[in-house]
N, C-alpha and C. Protein backbone atom coordinates (compact mmCIF):
# COMPACT_ATOMS: atom_id res chain seq x y z
N MET A 1 -2.76 -1.60 4.59
CA MET A 1 -2.85 -0.62 3.53
C MET A 1 -3.28 0.69 4.18
N LYS A 2 -2.48 1.71 4.04
CA LYS A 2 -2.77 3.01 4.61
C LYS A 2 -3.56 3.84 3.61
N ALA A 3 -4.87 3.72 3.66
CA ALA A 3 -5.75 4.48 2.78
C ALA A 3 -7.10 4.62 3.48
N THR A 4 -7.85 5.59 3.03
CA THR A 4 -9.18 5.79 3.61
C THR A 4 -10.11 4.67 3.13
N PRO A 5 -11.18 4.42 3.86
CA PRO A 5 -12.13 3.41 3.39
C PRO A 5 -12.68 3.71 2.00
N HIS A 6 -12.87 5.00 1.68
CA HIS A 6 -13.35 5.34 0.34
C HIS A 6 -12.32 4.97 -0.72
N ALA A 7 -11.05 5.27 -0.47
CA ALA A 7 -10.02 4.99 -1.46
C ALA A 7 -9.91 3.49 -1.73
N VAL A 8 -9.95 2.69 -0.68
CA VAL A 8 -9.88 1.24 -0.85
C VAL A 8 -11.12 0.73 -1.59
N ALA A 9 -12.29 1.17 -1.16
CA ALA A 9 -13.53 0.72 -1.77
C ALA A 9 -13.64 1.17 -3.23
N ALA A 10 -13.24 2.39 -3.52
CA ALA A 10 -13.30 2.88 -4.89
C ALA A 10 -12.32 2.12 -5.78
N GLY A 11 -11.17 1.79 -5.26
CA GLY A 11 -10.21 1.01 -6.03
C GLY A 11 -10.72 -0.38 -6.35
N VAL A 12 -11.24 -1.07 -5.35
CA VAL A 12 -11.78 -2.41 -5.57
C VAL A 12 -12.96 -2.33 -6.54
N ALA A 13 -13.84 -1.36 -6.36
CA ALA A 13 -15.00 -1.22 -7.24
C ALA A 13 -14.56 -0.97 -8.68
N ALA A 14 -13.52 -0.17 -8.87
CA ALA A 14 -13.02 0.09 -10.22
C ALA A 14 -12.51 -1.19 -10.86
N GLY A 15 -11.75 -1.98 -10.11
CA GLY A 15 -11.24 -3.24 -10.64
C GLY A 15 -12.34 -4.22 -10.98
N VAL A 16 -13.32 -4.33 -10.10
CA VAL A 16 -14.44 -5.25 -10.35
C VAL A 16 -15.25 -4.78 -11.55
N ALA A 17 -15.48 -3.49 -11.64
CA ALA A 17 -16.30 -2.96 -12.74
C ALA A 17 -15.66 -3.22 -14.10
N VAL A 18 -14.37 -2.95 -14.23
CA VAL A 18 -13.75 -3.16 -15.55
C VAL A 18 -13.60 -4.64 -15.88
N SER A 19 -13.68 -5.50 -14.88
CA SER A 19 -13.63 -6.94 -15.16
C SER A 19 -14.88 -7.42 -15.88
N CYS A 20 -15.92 -6.61 -15.88
CA CYS A 20 -17.16 -6.97 -16.57
C CYS A 20 -17.17 -6.51 -18.02
N THR A 21 -16.09 -5.95 -18.50
CA THR A 21 -16.01 -5.51 -19.88
C THR A 21 -15.24 -6.54 -20.70
N PRO A 22 -15.46 -6.58 -22.01
CA PRO A 22 -14.79 -7.58 -22.83
C PRO A 22 -13.37 -7.19 -23.26
N PHE A 23 -12.79 -6.20 -22.63
CA PHE A 23 -11.46 -5.72 -23.05
C PHE A 23 -10.35 -6.47 -22.32
N LEU A 24 -10.29 -7.78 -22.55
CA LEU A 24 -9.27 -8.60 -21.90
C LEU A 24 -7.88 -8.10 -22.27
N GLY A 25 -7.02 -8.05 -21.30
CA GLY A 25 -5.67 -7.55 -21.53
C GLY A 25 -5.52 -6.09 -21.18
N PHE A 26 -6.62 -5.39 -21.04
CA PHE A 26 -6.59 -3.96 -20.71
C PHE A 26 -7.24 -3.66 -19.36
N HIS A 27 -7.60 -4.70 -18.63
CA HIS A 27 -8.32 -4.49 -17.37
C HIS A 27 -7.49 -3.71 -16.35
N PHE A 28 -6.20 -4.01 -16.22
CA PHE A 28 -5.37 -3.27 -15.26
C PHE A 28 -5.31 -1.79 -15.61
N ILE A 29 -5.05 -1.49 -16.87
CA ILE A 29 -4.93 -0.09 -17.29
C ILE A 29 -6.26 0.63 -17.09
N MET A 30 -7.35 0.00 -17.47
CA MET A 30 -8.67 0.62 -17.30
C MET A 30 -9.01 0.79 -15.83
N ALA A 31 -8.65 -0.20 -15.00
CA ALA A 31 -8.93 -0.11 -13.56
C ALA A 31 -8.14 1.03 -12.94
N PHE A 32 -6.88 1.20 -13.34
CA PHE A 32 -6.07 2.30 -12.80
C PHE A 32 -6.65 3.65 -13.20
N CYS A 33 -7.08 3.77 -14.45
CA CYS A 33 -7.67 5.03 -14.91
C CYS A 33 -8.97 5.34 -14.16
N LEU A 34 -9.82 4.34 -14.01
CA LEU A 34 -11.08 4.55 -13.29
C LEU A 34 -10.82 4.83 -11.82
N ALA A 35 -9.87 4.15 -11.21
CA ALA A 35 -9.54 4.40 -9.81
C ALA A 35 -8.98 5.81 -9.64
N PHE A 36 -8.20 6.28 -10.60
CA PHE A 36 -7.67 7.64 -10.53
C PHE A 36 -8.81 8.65 -10.57
N ILE A 37 -9.78 8.43 -11.45
CA ILE A 37 -10.92 9.34 -11.56
C ILE A 37 -11.75 9.33 -10.27
N LEU A 38 -11.92 8.14 -9.68
CA LEU A 38 -12.72 8.01 -8.46
C LEU A 38 -11.93 8.29 -7.19
N ARG A 39 -10.66 8.64 -7.34
CA ARG A 39 -9.74 8.85 -6.21
C ARG A 39 -9.60 7.60 -5.37
N GLY A 40 -9.48 6.48 -6.08
CA GLY A 40 -9.34 5.19 -5.42
C GLY A 40 -7.89 4.78 -5.32
N ASN A 41 -7.65 3.74 -4.56
CA ASN A 41 -6.33 3.20 -4.33
C ASN A 41 -5.96 2.29 -5.51
N MET A 42 -4.76 2.46 -6.05
CA MET A 42 -4.34 1.71 -7.23
C MET A 42 -4.10 0.23 -6.90
N ILE A 43 -3.57 -0.06 -5.73
CA ILE A 43 -3.34 -1.46 -5.35
C ILE A 43 -4.69 -2.16 -5.20
N ALA A 44 -5.63 -1.49 -4.59
CA ALA A 44 -6.98 -2.06 -4.45
C ALA A 44 -7.62 -2.27 -5.82
N ALA A 45 -7.36 -1.37 -6.76
CA ALA A 45 -7.90 -1.53 -8.12
C ALA A 45 -7.31 -2.77 -8.79
N ALA A 46 -6.01 -2.97 -8.62
CA ALA A 46 -5.37 -4.15 -9.20
C ALA A 46 -5.94 -5.42 -8.58
N LEU A 47 -6.16 -5.40 -7.27
CA LEU A 47 -6.74 -6.57 -6.61
C LEU A 47 -8.19 -6.80 -7.06
N GLY A 48 -8.91 -5.73 -7.30
CA GLY A 48 -10.30 -5.84 -7.74
C GLY A 48 -10.45 -6.49 -9.10
N THR A 49 -9.43 -6.37 -9.95
CA THR A 49 -9.52 -7.00 -11.27
C THR A 49 -9.48 -8.53 -11.16
N GLY A 50 -9.10 -9.03 -10.00
CA GLY A 50 -9.13 -10.47 -9.78
C GLY A 50 -10.53 -11.05 -9.81
N PHE A 51 -11.54 -10.19 -9.75
CA PHE A 51 -12.93 -10.62 -9.88
C PHE A 51 -13.13 -11.31 -11.22
N GLY A 52 -12.48 -10.79 -12.25
CA GLY A 52 -12.53 -11.42 -13.57
C GLY A 52 -11.39 -12.40 -13.71
N ASN A 53 -11.71 -13.66 -13.75
CA ASN A 53 -10.68 -14.69 -13.86
C ASN A 53 -11.25 -15.82 -14.71
N PRO A 54 -10.44 -16.83 -15.03
CA PRO A 54 -10.94 -17.90 -15.91
C PRO A 54 -12.18 -18.62 -15.38
N LEU A 55 -12.41 -18.59 -14.08
CA LEU A 55 -13.61 -19.23 -13.54
C LEU A 55 -14.85 -18.36 -13.66
N THR A 56 -14.66 -17.03 -13.58
CA THR A 56 -15.82 -16.13 -13.60
C THR A 56 -16.09 -15.51 -14.96
N PHE A 57 -15.11 -15.45 -15.86
CA PHE A 57 -15.34 -14.83 -17.16
C PHE A 57 -16.49 -15.47 -17.94
N PRO A 58 -16.62 -16.79 -17.98
CA PRO A 58 -17.78 -17.34 -18.71
C PRO A 58 -19.11 -16.86 -18.13
N LEU A 59 -19.20 -16.77 -16.81
CA LEU A 59 -20.44 -16.30 -16.18
C LEU A 59 -20.66 -14.81 -16.46
N ILE A 60 -19.59 -14.03 -16.34
CA ILE A 60 -19.70 -12.59 -16.57
C ILE A 60 -20.12 -12.31 -18.01
N PHE A 61 -19.45 -12.96 -18.97
CA PHE A 61 -19.73 -12.68 -20.37
C PHE A 61 -21.09 -13.23 -20.80
N ALA A 62 -21.52 -14.34 -20.22
CA ALA A 62 -22.86 -14.86 -20.53
C ALA A 62 -23.93 -13.90 -20.02
N ALA A 63 -23.73 -13.38 -18.78
CA ALA A 63 -24.70 -12.42 -18.24
C ALA A 63 -24.68 -11.12 -19.05
N ALA A 64 -23.48 -10.66 -19.39
CA ALA A 64 -23.36 -9.42 -20.17
C ALA A 64 -24.02 -9.59 -21.54
N TYR A 65 -23.84 -10.76 -22.16
CA TYR A 65 -24.45 -11.01 -23.47
C TYR A 65 -25.97 -10.98 -23.37
N ARG A 66 -26.52 -11.65 -22.36
CA ARG A 66 -27.98 -11.68 -22.19
C ARG A 66 -28.54 -10.28 -21.94
N ILE A 67 -27.87 -9.53 -21.09
CA ILE A 67 -28.31 -8.15 -20.81
C ILE A 67 -28.20 -7.31 -22.09
N GLY A 68 -27.11 -7.50 -22.82
CA GLY A 68 -26.88 -6.74 -24.05
C GLY A 68 -27.93 -6.98 -25.12
N ILE A 69 -28.26 -8.23 -25.36
CA ILE A 69 -29.28 -8.49 -26.39
C ILE A 69 -30.65 -7.99 -25.93
N PHE A 70 -30.90 -8.00 -24.63
CA PHE A 70 -32.14 -7.44 -24.11
C PHE A 70 -32.18 -5.93 -24.33
N LEU A 71 -31.09 -5.24 -23.99
CA LEU A 71 -31.04 -3.78 -24.15
C LEU A 71 -31.07 -3.36 -25.62
N LEU A 72 -30.47 -4.16 -26.48
CA LEU A 72 -30.47 -3.85 -27.91
C LEU A 72 -31.77 -4.27 -28.59
N GLY A 73 -32.62 -5.01 -27.87
CA GLY A 73 -33.89 -5.44 -28.44
C GLY A 73 -33.73 -6.48 -29.53
N ARG A 74 -32.76 -7.34 -29.39
CA ARG A 74 -32.50 -8.36 -30.40
C ARG A 74 -32.64 -9.75 -29.81
N ALA A 75 -32.78 -10.70 -30.68
CA ALA A 75 -32.76 -12.10 -30.29
C ALA A 75 -31.32 -12.60 -30.42
N PRO A 76 -30.96 -13.61 -29.66
CA PRO A 76 -29.60 -14.15 -29.82
C PRO A 76 -29.37 -14.63 -31.25
N GLU A 77 -28.20 -14.30 -31.78
CA GLU A 77 -27.88 -14.69 -33.15
C GLU A 77 -26.93 -15.86 -33.15
N ARG A 78 -27.10 -16.67 -34.15
CA ARG A 78 -26.18 -17.79 -34.31
C ARG A 78 -25.04 -17.31 -35.19
N VAL A 79 -23.85 -17.54 -34.71
CA VAL A 79 -22.68 -17.12 -35.46
C VAL A 79 -22.22 -18.27 -36.33
N GLY A 80 -21.96 -17.94 -37.59
CA GLY A 80 -21.45 -18.96 -38.50
C GLY A 80 -20.05 -19.37 -38.09
N GLU A 81 -19.54 -20.34 -38.79
CA GLU A 81 -18.20 -20.83 -38.48
C GLU A 81 -17.19 -19.74 -38.81
N ALA A 82 -16.41 -19.39 -37.83
CA ALA A 82 -15.39 -18.36 -38.03
C ALA A 82 -14.06 -18.90 -37.53
N ASN A 83 -13.04 -18.71 -38.30
CA ASN A 83 -11.71 -19.12 -37.89
C ASN A 83 -11.12 -17.99 -37.05
N LEU A 84 -11.16 -18.16 -35.74
CA LEU A 84 -10.73 -17.11 -34.82
C LEU A 84 -9.26 -16.74 -35.04
N PHE A 85 -8.42 -17.72 -35.31
CA PHE A 85 -7.01 -17.44 -35.54
C PHE A 85 -6.82 -16.52 -36.74
N THR A 86 -7.55 -16.77 -37.81
CA THR A 86 -7.44 -15.93 -39.02
C THR A 86 -7.95 -14.52 -38.72
N LEU A 87 -9.07 -14.43 -37.97
CA LEU A 87 -9.61 -13.11 -37.64
C LEU A 87 -8.62 -12.30 -36.79
N LEU A 88 -8.00 -12.95 -35.82
CA LEU A 88 -7.03 -12.25 -34.97
C LEU A 88 -5.76 -11.89 -35.73
N ARG A 89 -5.32 -12.76 -36.60
CA ARG A 89 -4.10 -12.49 -37.36
C ARG A 89 -4.27 -11.27 -38.26
N HIS A 90 -5.45 -11.11 -38.83
CA HIS A 90 -5.71 -9.98 -39.72
C HIS A 90 -6.40 -8.82 -38.98
N LEU A 91 -6.60 -8.98 -37.67
CA LEU A 91 -7.28 -7.97 -36.85
C LEU A 91 -8.63 -7.59 -37.45
N ASP A 92 -9.34 -8.60 -37.88
CA ASP A 92 -10.65 -8.40 -38.49
C ASP A 92 -11.72 -8.85 -37.50
N PHE A 93 -12.26 -7.91 -36.75
CA PHE A 93 -13.26 -8.23 -35.74
C PHE A 93 -14.69 -7.97 -36.23
N ALA A 94 -14.85 -7.53 -37.44
CA ALA A 94 -16.18 -7.19 -37.97
C ALA A 94 -17.15 -8.38 -37.92
N PRO A 95 -16.72 -9.60 -38.28
CA PRO A 95 -17.68 -10.71 -38.20
C PRO A 95 -18.13 -11.04 -36.77
N LEU A 96 -17.35 -10.65 -35.78
CA LEU A 96 -17.70 -10.92 -34.38
C LEU A 96 -18.36 -9.72 -33.70
N TRP A 97 -18.20 -8.52 -34.26
CA TRP A 97 -18.68 -7.32 -33.58
C TRP A 97 -20.19 -7.32 -33.39
N HIS A 98 -20.92 -7.42 -34.46
CA HIS A 98 -22.38 -7.29 -34.37
C HIS A 98 -23.04 -8.44 -33.58
N PRO A 99 -22.71 -9.68 -33.86
CA PRO A 99 -23.43 -10.74 -33.14
C PRO A 99 -22.95 -11.01 -31.71
N ILE A 100 -21.67 -10.74 -31.39
CA ILE A 100 -21.14 -11.13 -30.08
C ILE A 100 -20.59 -9.97 -29.27
N LEU A 101 -19.62 -9.26 -29.82
CA LEU A 101 -18.90 -8.26 -29.04
C LEU A 101 -19.76 -7.05 -28.66
N LYS A 102 -20.59 -6.58 -29.57
CA LYS A 102 -21.44 -5.42 -29.27
C LYS A 102 -22.42 -5.73 -28.13
N PRO A 103 -23.14 -6.86 -28.15
CA PRO A 103 -24.02 -7.15 -27.01
C PRO A 103 -23.27 -7.32 -25.69
N ILE A 104 -22.06 -7.92 -25.73
CA ILE A 104 -21.30 -8.09 -24.49
C ILE A 104 -20.85 -6.73 -23.96
N LEU A 105 -20.44 -5.84 -24.84
CA LEU A 105 -20.03 -4.50 -24.40
C LEU A 105 -21.21 -3.72 -23.86
N VAL A 106 -22.33 -3.72 -24.57
CA VAL A 106 -23.52 -2.98 -24.13
C VAL A 106 -24.05 -3.56 -22.82
N GLY A 107 -24.11 -4.87 -22.71
CA GLY A 107 -24.60 -5.50 -21.48
C GLY A 107 -23.60 -5.45 -20.35
N GLY A 108 -22.32 -5.33 -20.67
CA GLY A 108 -21.30 -5.28 -19.64
C GLY A 108 -21.30 -3.98 -18.87
N LEU A 109 -21.76 -2.90 -19.47
CA LEU A 109 -21.74 -1.61 -18.78
C LEU A 109 -22.70 -1.56 -17.58
N PRO A 110 -23.98 -1.93 -17.74
CA PRO A 110 -24.83 -1.95 -16.54
C PRO A 110 -24.40 -3.02 -15.53
N LEU A 111 -23.88 -4.14 -16.03
CA LEU A 111 -23.38 -5.18 -15.13
C LEU A 111 -22.18 -4.67 -14.35
N ALA A 112 -21.32 -3.90 -15.01
CA ALA A 112 -20.16 -3.31 -14.34
C ALA A 112 -20.60 -2.32 -13.26
N ALA A 113 -21.59 -1.50 -13.59
CA ALA A 113 -22.08 -0.52 -12.61
C ALA A 113 -22.67 -1.23 -11.39
N LEU A 114 -23.44 -2.28 -11.62
CA LEU A 114 -24.06 -3.02 -10.52
C LEU A 114 -23.00 -3.71 -9.66
N CYS A 115 -22.11 -4.45 -10.29
CA CYS A 115 -21.07 -5.17 -9.53
C CYS A 115 -20.15 -4.20 -8.81
N GLY A 116 -19.78 -3.10 -9.48
CA GLY A 116 -18.93 -2.10 -8.85
C GLY A 116 -19.59 -1.48 -7.63
N ALA A 117 -20.88 -1.18 -7.74
CA ALA A 117 -21.60 -0.58 -6.61
C ALA A 117 -21.69 -1.55 -5.43
N VAL A 118 -22.00 -2.80 -5.72
CA VAL A 118 -22.09 -3.81 -4.65
C VAL A 118 -20.75 -3.97 -3.96
N PHE A 119 -19.68 -4.09 -4.74
CA PHE A 119 -18.36 -4.26 -4.14
C PHE A 119 -17.88 -3.00 -3.44
N TYR A 120 -18.30 -1.82 -3.90
CA TYR A 120 -17.93 -0.59 -3.20
C TYR A 120 -18.52 -0.61 -1.79
N VAL A 121 -19.80 -0.91 -1.70
CA VAL A 121 -20.48 -0.90 -0.38
C VAL A 121 -19.86 -1.95 0.54
N LEU A 122 -19.68 -3.17 0.04
CA LEU A 122 -19.11 -4.23 0.88
C LEU A 122 -17.68 -3.90 1.32
N THR A 123 -16.88 -3.40 0.39
CA THR A 123 -15.49 -3.08 0.73
C THR A 123 -15.41 -1.88 1.66
N TRP A 124 -16.26 -0.88 1.45
CA TRP A 124 -16.24 0.29 2.32
C TRP A 124 -16.57 -0.11 3.76
N GLN A 125 -17.59 -0.95 3.90
CA GLN A 125 -17.96 -1.39 5.24
C GLN A 125 -16.83 -2.17 5.90
N GLY A 126 -16.20 -3.05 5.16
CA GLY A 126 -15.08 -3.82 5.71
C GLY A 126 -13.89 -2.94 6.04
N ALA A 127 -13.55 -2.02 5.15
CA ALA A 127 -12.41 -1.13 5.40
C ALA A 127 -12.69 -0.19 6.56
N PHE A 128 -13.93 0.28 6.68
CA PHE A 128 -14.28 1.16 7.79
C PHE A 128 -14.20 0.40 9.12
N ALA A 129 -14.70 -0.82 9.12
CA ALA A 129 -14.64 -1.62 10.34
C ALA A 129 -13.19 -1.90 10.75
N CYS A 130 -12.34 -2.20 9.78
CA CYS A 130 -10.92 -2.45 10.09
C CYS A 130 -10.22 -1.19 10.56
N SER A 131 -10.50 -0.07 9.91
CA SER A 131 -9.81 1.17 10.30
C SER A 131 -10.27 1.65 11.67
N SER A 132 -11.54 1.49 12.00
CA SER A 132 -12.01 1.94 13.31
C SER A 132 -11.49 1.02 14.41
N SER A 133 -11.35 -0.27 14.14
CA SER A 133 -10.81 -1.16 15.16
C SER A 133 -9.32 -0.92 15.35
N GLU A 134 -8.60 -0.60 14.27
CA GLU A 134 -7.17 -0.27 14.40
C GLU A 134 -6.98 1.01 15.20
N GLU A 135 -7.82 2.00 14.92
CA GLU A 135 -7.69 3.27 15.63
C GLU A 135 -7.96 3.11 17.11
N SER A 136 -9.00 2.39 17.47
CA SER A 136 -9.32 2.24 18.89
C SER A 136 -8.26 1.40 19.59
N GLY A 137 -7.78 0.35 18.94
CA GLY A 137 -6.73 -0.46 19.52
C GLY A 137 -5.42 0.28 19.58
N GLY A 138 -5.12 1.04 18.56
CA GLY A 138 -3.88 1.81 18.54
C GLY A 138 -3.87 2.89 19.60
N ASP A 139 -5.00 3.56 19.83
CA ASP A 139 -5.08 4.59 20.86
C ASP A 139 -4.89 3.99 22.24
N ARG A 140 -5.48 2.83 22.48
CA ARG A 140 -5.36 2.18 23.76
C ARG A 140 -3.91 1.81 24.04
N LYS A 141 -3.22 1.27 23.04
CA LYS A 141 -1.82 0.90 23.22
C LYS A 141 -0.96 2.14 23.48
N PHE A 142 -1.25 3.22 22.75
CA PHE A 142 -0.49 4.45 22.94
C PHE A 142 -0.69 5.00 24.35
N GLN A 143 -1.92 4.98 24.83
CA GLN A 143 -2.20 5.50 26.17
C GLN A 143 -1.51 4.65 27.23
N MET A 144 -1.48 3.34 27.08
CA MET A 144 -0.81 2.49 28.05
C MET A 144 0.69 2.72 28.04
N ARG A 145 1.29 2.87 26.87
CA ARG A 145 2.71 3.13 26.76
C ARG A 145 3.05 4.48 27.36
N ARG A 146 2.19 5.46 27.11
CA ARG A 146 2.43 6.80 27.62
C ARG A 146 2.40 6.81 29.15
N ARG A 147 1.48 6.06 29.75
CA ARG A 147 1.40 6.00 31.22
C ARG A 147 2.67 5.42 31.81
N ARG A 148 3.26 4.43 31.15
CA ARG A 148 4.48 3.83 31.67
C ARG A 148 5.68 4.76 31.54
N GLU A 149 5.72 5.59 30.49
CA GLU A 149 6.89 6.42 30.22
C GLU A 149 6.84 7.77 30.93
N ASP A 150 5.69 8.32 31.20
CA ASP A 150 5.60 9.63 31.85
C ASP A 150 5.89 9.49 33.34
N PRO A 151 6.75 10.36 33.84
CA PRO A 151 7.01 10.31 35.29
C PRO A 151 5.82 10.86 36.05
N PRO A 152 5.59 10.38 37.25
CA PRO A 152 4.49 10.91 38.03
C PRO A 152 4.70 12.39 38.34
N LYS A 153 3.63 13.13 38.42
CA LYS A 153 3.73 14.58 38.64
C LYS A 153 4.25 14.91 40.03
N ASN A 154 3.91 14.11 41.03
CA ASN A 154 4.37 14.43 42.37
C ASN A 154 5.85 14.15 42.54
N LEU A 155 6.45 13.35 41.66
CA LEU A 155 7.88 13.08 41.71
C LEU A 155 8.66 14.34 41.38
N MET A 156 8.17 15.16 40.50
CA MET A 156 8.85 16.40 40.11
C MET A 156 8.98 17.32 41.31
N SER A 157 7.99 17.38 42.17
CA SER A 157 8.03 18.31 43.30
C SER A 157 8.95 17.80 44.40
N THR A 158 9.19 16.50 44.47
CA THR A 158 10.04 15.95 45.53
C THR A 158 11.53 16.05 45.18
N ARG A 159 11.88 16.36 43.97
CA ARG A 159 13.28 16.46 43.56
C ARG A 159 13.85 17.82 43.85
N GLY A 160 13.09 18.70 44.36
CA GLY A 160 13.61 20.03 44.68
C GLY A 160 13.69 20.94 43.49
N VAL A 161 12.81 20.79 42.56
CA VAL A 161 12.80 21.67 41.40
C VAL A 161 12.23 22.99 41.84
N ALA A 162 13.02 24.03 41.62
CA ALA A 162 12.57 25.35 42.04
C ALA A 162 11.64 25.93 41.00
N THR A 163 10.59 26.55 41.48
CA THR A 163 9.66 27.22 40.58
C THR A 163 9.63 28.68 40.93
N ASN A 164 9.54 29.50 39.94
CA ASN A 164 9.45 30.94 40.15
C ASN A 164 8.01 31.32 40.31
N SER A 165 7.63 31.64 41.54
CA SER A 165 6.27 32.06 41.79
C SER A 165 6.24 33.42 42.38
């Protein structure tokens, strides 16, 4: 990937951060927008959204919920029986907003900032290490190739090249 360490790290951080929000189905779009604002790489942002997956979403949302109820100063609420299919069919999220979605959204924001910052630092260090090793290895290869292709300087004088002095 031809990008600066900041661009790669910002892209990954954007993807990881939006994975901590409850906006399933919009993570790619949100990651691209955040990566654009942070001047991050879009491919890295798409890869960063892989942080949120079926194995990690229960952990992410449970942590976001706990943080959210703490920040809102509330105790966990028990949700009555709700027919999720009926709520989705009528796009009626009001019964879920106050007890579940609002705490997950509120708690997901600091969790997103923390996870994004951690992944930015880790990715920047990795991308910097890879780019510096590529540069040093690439320069060495270029110098060796150049030595083989350049004719020796004393060969030019033995061919009878006239110089105006």
